[in-house]
PDB file of N, CA and C in Angstrom:
ATOM      1  N   UNK A   1     116.912 108.933  97.765  1.00  0.00           N
ATOM      2  CA  UNK A   1     117.966 109.437  98.632  1.00  0.00           C
ATOM      3  C   UNK A   1     117.345 110.243  99.775  1.00  0.00           C
ATOM      4  N   UNK A   2     117.787 109.961 100.971  1.00  0.00           N
ATOM      5  CA  UNK A   2     117.286 110.672 102.147  1.00  0.00           C
ATOM      6  C   UNK A   2     118.037 111.982 102.319  1.00  0.00           C
ATOM      7  N   UNK A   3     117.292 113.020 102.687  1.00  0.00           N
ATOM      8  CA  UNK A   3     117.995 114.225 103.100  1.00  0.00           C
ATOM      9  C   UNK A   3     117.746 114.406 104.591  1.00  0.00           C
ATOM     10  N   UNK A   4     118.496 115.265 105.198  1.00  0.00           N
ATOM     11  CA  UNK A   4     118.499 115.379 106.664  1.00  0.00           C
ATOM     12  C   UNK A   4     117.216 115.962 107.258  1.00  0.00           C
ATOM     13  N   UNK A   5     116.322 116.493 106.440  1.00  0.00           N
ATOM     14  CA  UNK A   5     115.100 117.102 106.965  1.00  0.00           C
ATOM     15  C   UNK A   5     113.843 116.417 106.448  1.00  0.00           C
ATOM     16  N   UNK A   6     114.010 115.311 105.735  1.00  0.00           N
ATOM     17  CA  UNK A   6     112.894 114.649 105.085  1.00  0.00           C
ATOM     18  C   UNK A   6     112.773 113.200 105.557  1.00  0.00           C
ATOM     19  N   UNK A   7     111.556 112.806 105.858  1.00  0.00           N
ATOM     20  CA  UNK A   7     111.278 111.419 106.241  1.00  0.00           C
ATOM     21  C   UNK A   7     110.508 110.760 105.087  1.00  0.00           C
ATOM     22  N   UNK A   8     110.487 109.440 105.089  1.00  0.00           N
ATOM     23  CA  UNK A   8     109.821 108.696 104.019  1.00  0.00           C
ATOM     24  C   UNK A   8     108.802 107.737 104.626  1.00  0.00           C
ATOM     25  N   UNK A   9     107.614 107.726 104.036  1.00  0.00           N
ATOM     26  CA  UNK A   9     106.537 106.822 104.443  1.00  0.00           C
ATOM     27  C   UNK A   9     106.323 105.804 103.337  1.00  0.00           C
ATOM     28  N   UNK A  10     106.205 104.534 103.720  1.00  0.00           N
ATOM     29  CA  UNK A  10     105.918 103.471 102.760  1.00  0.00           C
ATOM     30  C   UNK A  10     105.201 102.347 103.498  1.00  0.00           C
ATOM     31  N   UNK A  11     104.954 101.278 102.772  1.00  0.00           N
ATOM     32  CA  UNK A  11     104.371 100.106 103.422  1.00  0.00           C
ATOM     33  C   UNK A  11     104.916  98.848 102.766  1.00  0.00           C
ATOM     34  N   UNK A  12     104.876  97.776 103.525  1.00  0.00           N
ATOM     35  CA  UNK A  12     105.342  96.478 103.049  1.00  0.00           C
ATOM     36  C   UNK A  12     104.536  95.413 103.776  1.00  0.00           C
ATOM     37  N   UNK A  13     103.837  94.598 103.003  1.00  0.00           N
ATOM     38  CA  UNK A  13     102.935  93.583 103.552  1.00  0.00           C
ATOM     39  C   UNK A  13     101.974  94.241 104.533  1.00  0.00           C
ATOM     40  N   UNK A  14     101.942  93.819 105.777  1.00  0.00           N
ATOM     41  CA  UNK A  14     100.995  94.377 106.757  1.00  0.00           C
ATOM     42  C   UNK A  14     101.622  95.458 107.643  1.00  0.00           C
ATOM     43  N   UNK A  15     102.660  96.117 107.148  1.00  0.00           N
ATOM     44  CA  UNK A  15     103.360  97.106 107.961  1.00  0.00           C
ATOM     45  C   UNK A  15     103.485  98.448 107.263  1.00  0.00           C
ATOM     46  N   UNK A  16     103.353  99.504 108.055  1.00  0.00           N
ATOM     47  CA  UNK A  16     103.700 100.848 107.627  1.00  0.00           C
ATOM     48  C   UNK A  16     105.153 101.052 108.023  1.00  0.00           C
ATOM     49  N   UNK A  17     105.891 101.731 107.178  1.00  0.00           N
ATOM     50  CA  UNK A  17     107.309 101.981 107.437  1.00  0.00           C
ATOM     51  C   UNK A  17     107.557 103.483 107.390  1.00  0.00           C
ATOM     52  N   UNK A  18     108.148 103.985 108.467  1.00  0.00           N
ATOM     53  CA  UNK A  18     108.507 105.396 108.567  1.00  0.00           C
ATOM     54  C   UNK A  18     110.024 105.461 108.713  1.00  0.00           C
ATOM     55  N   UNK A  19     110.691 106.109 107.755  1.00  0.00           N
ATOM     56  CA  UNK A  19     112.150 106.173 107.770  1.00  0.00           C
ATOM     57  C   UNK A  19     112.621 107.606 107.932  1.00  0.00           C
ATOM     58  N   UNK A  20     113.557 107.786 108.842  1.00  0.00           N
ATOM     59  CA  UNK A  20     114.188 109.088 109.000  1.00  0.00           C
ATOM     60  C   UNK A  20     115.586 108.890 109.544  1.00  0.00           C
ATOM     61  N   UNK A  21     116.533 109.614 108.936  1.00  0.00           N
ATOM     62  CA  UNK A  21     117.924 109.520 109.323  1.00  0.00           C
ATOM     63  C   UNK A  21     118.346 108.051 109.210  1.00  0.00           C
ATOM     64  N   UNK A  22     118.863 107.457 110.254  1.00  0.00           N
ATOM     65  CA  UNK A  22     119.254 106.041 110.207  1.00  0.00           C
ATOM     66  C   UNK A  22     118.219 105.132 110.859  1.00  0.00           C
ATOM     67  N   UNK A  23     117.016 105.632 111.070  1.00  0.00           N
ATOM     68  CA  UNK A  23     115.977 104.874 111.757  1.00  0.00           C
ATOM     69  C   UNK A  23     114.909 104.389 110.782  1.00  0.00           C
ATOM     70  N   UNK A  24     114.529 103.147 110.960  1.00  0.00           N
ATOM     71  CA  UNK A  24     113.420 102.570 110.202  1.00  0.00           C
ATOM     72  C   UNK A  24     112.438 102.039 111.236  1.00  0.00           C
ATOM     73  N   UNK A  25     111.252 102.639 111.271  1.00  0.00           N
ATOM     74  CA  UNK A  25     110.235 102.266 112.257  1.00  0.00           C
ATOM     75  C   UNK A  25     109.093 101.577 111.522  1.00  0.00           C
ATOM     76  N   UNK A  26     108.809 100.341 111.937  1.00  0.00           N
ATOM     77  CA  UNK A  26     107.725  99.561 111.335  1.00  0.00           C
ATOM     78  C   UNK A  26     106.622  99.369 112.370  1.00  0.00           C
ATOM     79  N   UNK A  27     105.377  99.503 111.895  1.00  0.00           N
ATOM     80  CA  UNK A  27     104.243  99.230 112.774  1.00  0.00           C
ATOM     81  C   UNK A  27     103.092  98.699 111.936  1.00  0.00           C
ATOM     82  N   UNK A  28     102.196  98.014 112.596  1.00  0.00           N
ATOM     83  CA  UNK A  28     101.084  97.353 111.909  1.00  0.00           C
ATOM     84  C   UNK A  28     100.250  98.341 111.112  1.00  0.00           C
ATOM     85  N   UNK A  29      99.864  97.889 109.930  1.00  0.00           N
ATOM     86  CA  UNK A  29      98.992  98.673 109.055  1.00  0.00           C
ATOM     87  C   UNK A  29      97.702  97.886 108.847  1.00  0.00           C
ATOM     88  N   UNK A  30      96.657  98.551 108.383  1.00  0.00           N
ATOM     89  CA  UNK A  30      95.432  97.812 108.073  1.00  0.00           C
ATOM     90  C   UNK A  30      95.721  96.690 107.066  1.00  0.00           C
ATOM     91  N   UNK A  31      95.079  95.557 107.244  1.00  0.00           N
ATOM     92  CA  UNK A  31      95.358  94.373 106.416  1.00  0.00           C
ATOM     93  C   UNK A  31      95.144  94.625 104.924  1.00  0.00           C
ATOM     94  N   UNK A  32      94.254  95.531 104.584  1.00  0.00           N
ATOM     95  CA  UNK A  32      93.917  95.736 103.171  1.00  0.00           C
ATOM     96  C   UNK A  32      94.665  96.917 102.529  1.00  0.00           C
ATOM     97  N   UNK A  33      95.621  97.510 103.249  1.00  0.00           N
ATOM     98  CA  UNK A  33      96.379  98.626 102.695  1.00  0.00           C
ATOM     99  C   UNK A  33      97.221  98.151 101.519  1.00  0.00           C
ATOM    100  N   UNK A  34      97.022  98.777 100.374  1.00  0.00           N
ATOM    101  CA  UNK A  34      97.842  98.466  99.205  1.00  0.00           C
ATOM    102  C   UNK A  34      99.052  99.388  99.141  1.00  0.00           C
ATOM    103  N   UNK A  35      98.806 100.705  99.329  1.00  0.00           N
ATOM    104  CA  UNK A  35      99.910 101.656  99.306  1.00  0.00           C
ATOM    105  C   UNK A  35      99.438 103.029  99.769  1.00  0.00           C
ATOM    106  N   UNK A  36     100.404 103.817 100.215  1.00  0.00           N
ATOM    107  CA  UNK A  36     100.164 105.225 100.490  1.00  0.00           C
ATOM    108  C   UNK A  36     100.404 105.984  99.183  1.00  0.00           C
ATOM    109  N   UNK A  37      99.574 106.965  98.905  1.00  0.00           N
ATOM    110  CA  UNK A  37      99.678 107.658  97.623  1.00  0.00           C
ATOM    111  C   UNK A  37     100.071 109.129  97.732  1.00  0.00           C
ATOM    112  N   UNK A  38      99.803 109.748  98.883  1.00  0.00           N
ATOM    113  CA  UNK A  38     100.076 111.177  99.008  1.00  0.00           C
ATOM    114  C   UNK A  38     100.112 111.571 100.479  1.00  0.00           C
ATOM    115  N   UNK A  39     100.990 112.489 100.816  1.00  0.00           N
ATOM    116  CA  UNK A  39     101.006 113.093 102.151  1.00  0.00           C
ATOM    117  C   UNK A  39     100.215 114.390 102.063  1.00  0.00           C
ATOM    118  N   UNK A  40      99.167 114.490 102.851  1.00  0.00           N
ATOM    119  CA  UNK A  40      98.351 115.706 102.851  1.00  0.00           C
ATOM    120  C   UNK A  40      98.806 116.693 103.921  1.00  0.00           C
ATOM    121  N   UNK A  41      99.276 116.156 105.044  1.00  0.00           N
ATOM    122  CA  UNK A  41      99.650 117.039 106.153  1.00  0.00           C
ATOM    123  C   UNK A  41     100.707 116.363 107.015  1.00  0.00           C
ATOM    124  N   UNK A  42     101.661 117.160 107.471  1.00  0.00           N
ATOM    125  CA  UNK A  42     102.659 116.715 108.441  1.00  0.00           C
ATOM    126  C   UNK A  42     102.710 117.762 109.532  1.00  0.00           C
ATOM    127  N   UNK A  43     102.445 117.351 110.754  1.00  0.00           N
ATOM    128  CA  UNK A  43     102.450 118.287 111.867  1.00  0.00           C
ATOM    129  C   UNK A  43     103.136 117.654 113.070  1.00  0.00           C
ATOM    130  N   UNK A  44     104.462 117.719 113.079  1.00  0.00           N
ATOM    131  CA  UNK A  44     105.280 117.270 114.213  1.00  0.00           C
ATOM    132  C   UNK A  44     104.798 115.938 114.814  1.00  0.00           C
ATOM    133  N   UNK A  45     104.771 114.925 113.976  1.00  0.00           N
ATOM    134  CA  UNK A  45     104.412 113.590 114.460  1.00  0.00           C
ATOM    135  C   UNK A  45     103.035 113.117 114.050  1.00  0.00           C
ATOM    136  N   UNK A  46     102.234 114.001 113.539  1.00  0.00           N
ATOM    137  CA  UNK A  46     100.886 113.623 113.107  1.00  0.00           C
ATOM    138  C   UNK A  46     100.825 113.726 111.590  1.00  0.00           C
ATOM    139  N   UNK A  47     100.476 112.618 110.965  1.00  0.00           N
ATOM    140  CA  UNK A  47     100.422 112.529 109.508  1.00  0.00           C
ATOM    141  C   UNK A  47      99.001 112.311 109.021  1.00  0.00           C
ATOM    142  N   UNK A  48      98.648 113.005 107.957  1.00  0.00           N
ATOM    143  CA  UNK A  48      97.427 112.704 107.222  1.00  0.00           C
ATOM    144  C   UNK A  48      97.905 112.309 105.826  1.00  0.00           C
ATOM    145  N   UNK A  49      97.617 111.077 105.448  1.00  0.00           N
ATOM    146  CA  UNK A  49      98.063 110.557 104.156  1.00  0.00           C
ATOM    147  C   UNK A  49      96.872 109.974 103.410  1.00  0.00           C
ATOM    148  N   UNK A  50      96.954 109.989 102.105  1.00  0.00           N
ATOM    149  CA  UNK A  50      95.966 109.301 101.282  1.00  0.00           C
ATOM    150  C   UNK A  50      96.477 107.878 101.074  1.00  0.00           C
ATOM    151  N   UNK A  51      95.548 106.933 101.135  1.00  0.00           N
ATOM    152  CA  UNK A  51      95.925 105.530 101.015  1.00  0.00           C
ATOM    153  C   UNK A  51      94.951 104.795 100.111  1.00  0.00           C
ATOM    154  N   UNK A  52      95.472 103.799  99.425  1.00  0.00           N
ATOM    155  CA  UNK A  52      94.652 102.940  98.576  1.00  0.00           C
ATOM    156  C   UNK A  52      94.501 101.601  99.294  1.00  0.00           C
ATOM    157  N   UNK A  53      93.238 101.164  99.438  1.00  0.00           N
ATOM    158  CA  UNK A  53      92.929  99.902 100.098  1.00  0.00           C
ATOM    159  C   UNK A  53      92.358  98.915  99.087  1.00  0.00           C
ATOM    160  N   UNK A  54      92.587  97.642  99.307  1.00  0.00           N
ATOM    161  CA  UNK A  54      92.145  96.594  98.388  1.00  0.00           C
ATOM    162  C   UNK A  54      90.632  96.539  98.257  1.00  0.00           C
ATOM    163  N   UNK A  55      89.912  96.823  99.313  1.00  0.00           N
ATOM    164  CA  UNK A  55      88.460  96.685  99.305  1.00  0.00           C
ATOM    165  C   UNK A  55      87.710  97.916  98.793  1.00  0.00           C
ATOM    166  N   UNK A  56      88.437  98.970  98.417  1.00  0.00           N
ATOM    167  CA  UNK A  56      87.798 100.204  97.943  1.00  0.00           C
ATOM    168  C   UNK A  56      88.450 100.666  96.650  1.00  0.00           C
ATOM    169  N   UNK A  57      87.624 101.191  95.774  1.00  0.00           N
ATOM    170  CA  UNK A  57      88.156 101.717  94.518  1.00  0.00           C
ATOM    171  C   UNK A  57      88.833 103.065  94.728  1.00  0.00           C
ATOM    172  N   UNK A  58      88.243 103.907  95.569  1.00  0.00           N
ATOM    173  CA  UNK A  58      88.780 105.250  95.804  1.00  0.00           C
ATOM    174  C   UNK A  58      89.772 105.256  96.963  1.00  0.00           C
ATOM    175  N   UNK A  59      90.694 106.211  96.906  1.00  0.00           N
ATOM    176  CA  UNK A  59      91.618 106.408  98.022  1.00  0.00           C
ATOM    177  C   UNK A  59      90.854 107.009  99.198  1.00  0.00           C
ATOM    178  N   UNK A  60      91.407 106.837 100.393  1.00  0.00           N
ATOM    179  CA  UNK A  60      90.815 107.499 101.551  1.00  0.00           C
ATOM    180  C   UNK A  60      91.908 107.982 102.483  1.00  0.00           C
ATOM    181  N   UNK A  61      91.516 108.890 103.366  1.00  0.00           N
ATOM    182  CA  UNK A  61      92.491 109.447 104.303  1.00  0.00           C
ATOM    183  C   UNK A  61      92.849 108.433 105.375  1.00  0.00           C
ATOM    184  N   UNK A  62      94.117 108.426 105.713  1.00  0.00           N
ATOM    185  CA  UNK A  62      94.651 107.590 106.788  1.00  0.00           C
ATOM    186  C   UNK A  62      95.340 108.547 107.757  1.00  0.00           C
ATOM    187  N   UNK A  63      95.089 108.369 109.033  1.00  0.00           N
ATOM    188  CA  UNK A  63      95.667 109.230 110.065  1.00  0.00           C
ATOM    189  C   UNK A  63      96.671 108.427 110.876  1.00  0.00           C
ATOM    190  N   UNK A  64      97.878 108.978 111.020  1.00  0.00           N
ATOM    191  CA  UNK A  64      98.945 108.295 111.753  1.00  0.00           C
ATOM    192  C   UNK A  64      99.497 109.247 112.800  1.00  0.00           C
ATOM    193  N   UNK A  65      99.454 108.829 114.049  1.00  0.00           N
ATOM    194  CA  UNK A  65     100.040 109.594 115.146  1.00  0.00           C
ATOM    195  C   UNK A  65     101.301 108.859 115.585  1.00  0.00           C
ATOM    196  N   UNK A  66     102.452 109.406 115.254  1.00  0.00           N
ATOM    197  CA  UNK A  66     103.726 108.753 115.565  1.00  0.00           C
ATOM    198  C   UNK A  66     104.160 108.902 117.020  1.00  0.00           C
ATOM    199  N   UNK A  67     103.622 109.872 117.727  1.00  0.00           N
ATOM    200  CA  UNK A  67     104.099 110.138 119.091  1.00  0.00           C
ATOM    201  C   UNK A  67     103.941 108.926 120.015  1.00  0.00           C
ATOM    202  N   UNK A  68     102.771 108.283 120.112  1.00  0.00           N
ATOM    203  CA  UNK A  68     102.693 107.104 120.987  1.00  0.00           C
ATOM    204  C   UNK A  68     103.574 105.938 120.504  1.00  0.00           C
ATOM    205  N   UNK A  69     103.748 105.820 119.209  1.00  0.00           N
ATOM    206  CA  UNK A  69     104.623 104.764 118.673  1.00  0.00           C
ATOM    207  C   UNK A  69     106.060 105.026 119.106  1.00  0.00           C
ATOM    208  N   UNK A  70     106.502 106.263 118.965  1.00  0.00           N
ATOM    209  CA  UNK A  70     107.864 106.610 119.380  1.00  0.00           C
ATOM    210  C   UNK A  70     108.072 106.420 120.876  1.00  0.00           C
ATOM    211  N   UNK A  71     107.090 106.816 121.665  1.00  0.00           N
ATOM    212  CA  UNK A  71     107.201 106.633 123.120  1.00  0.00           C
ATOM    213  C   UNK A  71     107.311 105.155 123.486  1.00  0.00           C
ATOM    214  N   UNK A  72     106.530 104.306 122.820  1.00  0.00           N
ATOM    215  CA  UNK A  72     106.602 102.860 123.089  1.00  0.00           C
ATOM    216  C   UNK A  72     107.961 102.278 122.718  1.00  0.00           C
ATOM    217  N   UNK A  73     108.658 102.918 121.812  1.00  0.00           N
ATOM    218  CA  UNK A  73     109.989 102.469 121.406  1.00  0.00           C
ATOM    219  C   UNK A  73     111.102 103.184 122.177  1.00  0.00           C
ATOM    220  N   UNK A  74     110.723 103.932 123.204  1.00  0.00           N
ATOM    221  CA  UNK A  74     111.650 104.660 124.069  1.00  0.00           C
ATOM    222  C   UNK A  74     112.439 105.745 123.350  1.00  0.00           C
ATOM    223  N   UNK A  75     111.817 106.347 122.334  1.00  0.00           N
ATOM    224  CA  UNK A  75     112.378 107.521 121.688  1.00  0.00           C
ATOM    225  C   UNK A  75     111.830 108.751 122.412  1.00  0.00           C
ATOM    226  N   UNK A  76     112.580 109.818 122.396  1.00  0.00           N
ATOM    227  CA  UNK A  76     112.073 111.115 122.830  1.00  0.00           C
ATOM    228  C   UNK A  76     111.400 111.728 121.600  1.00  0.00           C
ATOM    229  N   UNK A  77     110.060 111.762 121.553  1.00  0.00           N
ATOM    230  CA  UNK A  77     109.378 112.232 120.341  1.00  0.00           C
ATOM    231  C   UNK A  77     109.799 113.638 119.901  1.00  0.00           C
ATOM    232  N   UNK A  78     109.920 114.572 120.841  1.00  0.00           N
ATOM    233  CA  UNK A  78     110.302 115.930 120.464  1.00  0.00           C
ATOM    234  C   UNK A  78     111.680 115.959 119.807  1.00  0.00           C
ATOM    235  N   UNK A  79     112.613 115.254 120.388  1.00  0.00           N
ATOM    236  CA  UNK A  79     113.978 115.206 119.858  1.00  0.00           C
ATOM    237  C   UNK A  79     114.007 114.536 118.476  1.00  0.00           C
ATOM    238  N   UNK A  80     113.312 113.419 118.340  1.00  0.00           N
ATOM    239  CA  UNK A  80     113.302 112.681 117.078  1.00  0.00           C
ATOM    240  C   UNK A  80     112.608 113.469 115.964  1.00  0.00           C
ATOM    241  N   UNK A  81     111.470 114.092 116.277  1.00  0.00           N
ATOM    242  CA  UNK A  81     110.656 114.747 115.258  1.00  0.00           C
ATOM    243  C   UNK A  81     111.112 116.161 114.899  1.00  0.00           C
ATOM    244  N   UNK A  82     111.834 116.803 115.781  1.00  0.00           N
ATOM    245  CA  UNK A  82     112.221 118.204 115.601  1.00  0.00           C
ATOM    246  C   UNK A  82     112.860 118.499 114.243  1.00  0.00           C
ATOM    247  N   UNK A  83     113.816 117.701 113.759  1.00  0.00           N
ATOM    248  CA  UNK A  83     114.453 118.050 112.486  1.00  0.00           C
ATOM    249  C   UNK A  83     113.621 117.734 111.238  1.00  0.00           C
ATOM    250  N   UNK A  84     112.524 116.997 111.370  1.00  0.00           N
ATOM    251  CA  UNK A  84     111.745 116.584 110.193  1.00  0.00           C
ATOM    252  C   UNK A  84     110.870 117.736 109.716  1.00  0.00           C
ATOM    253  N   UNK A  85     111.154 118.202 108.521  1.00  0.00           N
ATOM    254  CA  UNK A  85     110.397 119.313 107.940  1.00  0.00           C
ATOM    255  C   UNK A  85     109.381 118.835 106.908  1.00  0.00           C
ATOM    256  N   UNK A  86     109.605 117.643 106.376  1.00  0.00           N
ATOM    257  CA  UNK A  86     108.744 117.139 105.306  1.00  0.00           C
ATOM    258  C   UNK A  86     108.721 115.614 105.362  1.00  0.00           C
ATOM    259  N   UNK A  87     107.592 115.055 104.957  1.00  0.00           N
ATOM    260  CA  UNK A  87     107.473 113.604 104.798  1.00  0.00           C
ATOM    261  C   UNK A  87     107.006 113.362 103.366  1.00  0.00           C
ATOM    262  N   UNK A  88     107.616 112.407 102.712  1.00  0.00           N
ATOM    263  CA  UNK A  88     107.213 112.068 101.351  1.00  0.00           C
ATOM    264  C   UNK A  88     106.948 110.561 101.261  1.00  0.00           C
ATOM    265  N   UNK A  89     106.239 110.193 100.224  1.00  0.00           N
ATOM    266  CA  UNK A  89     105.969 108.781  99.955  1.00  0.00           C
ATOM    267  C   UNK A  89     107.210 108.184  99.292  1.00  0.00           C
ATOM    268  N   UNK A  90     107.566 106.973  99.628  1.00  0.00           N
ATOM    269  CA  UNK A  90     108.714 106.308  99.005  1.00  0.00           C
ATOM    270  C   UNK A  90     108.542 106.310  97.490  1.00  0.00           C
ATOM    271  N   UNK A  91     109.621 106.539  96.788  1.00  0.00           N
ATOM    272  CA  UNK A  91     109.654 106.581  95.318  1.00  0.00           C
ATOM    273  C   UNK A  91     108.816 107.704  94.747  1.00  0.00           C
ATOM    274  N   UNK A  92     108.561 108.731  95.522  1.00  0.00           N
ATOM    275  CA  UNK A  92     107.823 109.905  95.053  1.00  0.00           C
ATOM    276  C   UNK A  92     108.757 110.887  94.392  1.00  0.00           C
TER     277      UNK A  92
END
């Protein structure tokens, strides 16, 4: 269940999915990404997440900057990101 201050990060096939409010934003992910496992940091559009890749046994950090993605989609990044206080992994 979504709450008004929480966004959700997940992946499906070759895409990362960022969900907030009524918006679902999909963008290309590394081909070997199996899943995101943990959010380490959320800083107004910049995410540091732990990810599991098919070619590695150990998880590694993945860095996601949502601001250029939002700008390319004609969102106002400040307006869109302002209410987000937390990001969690889907089914966490």
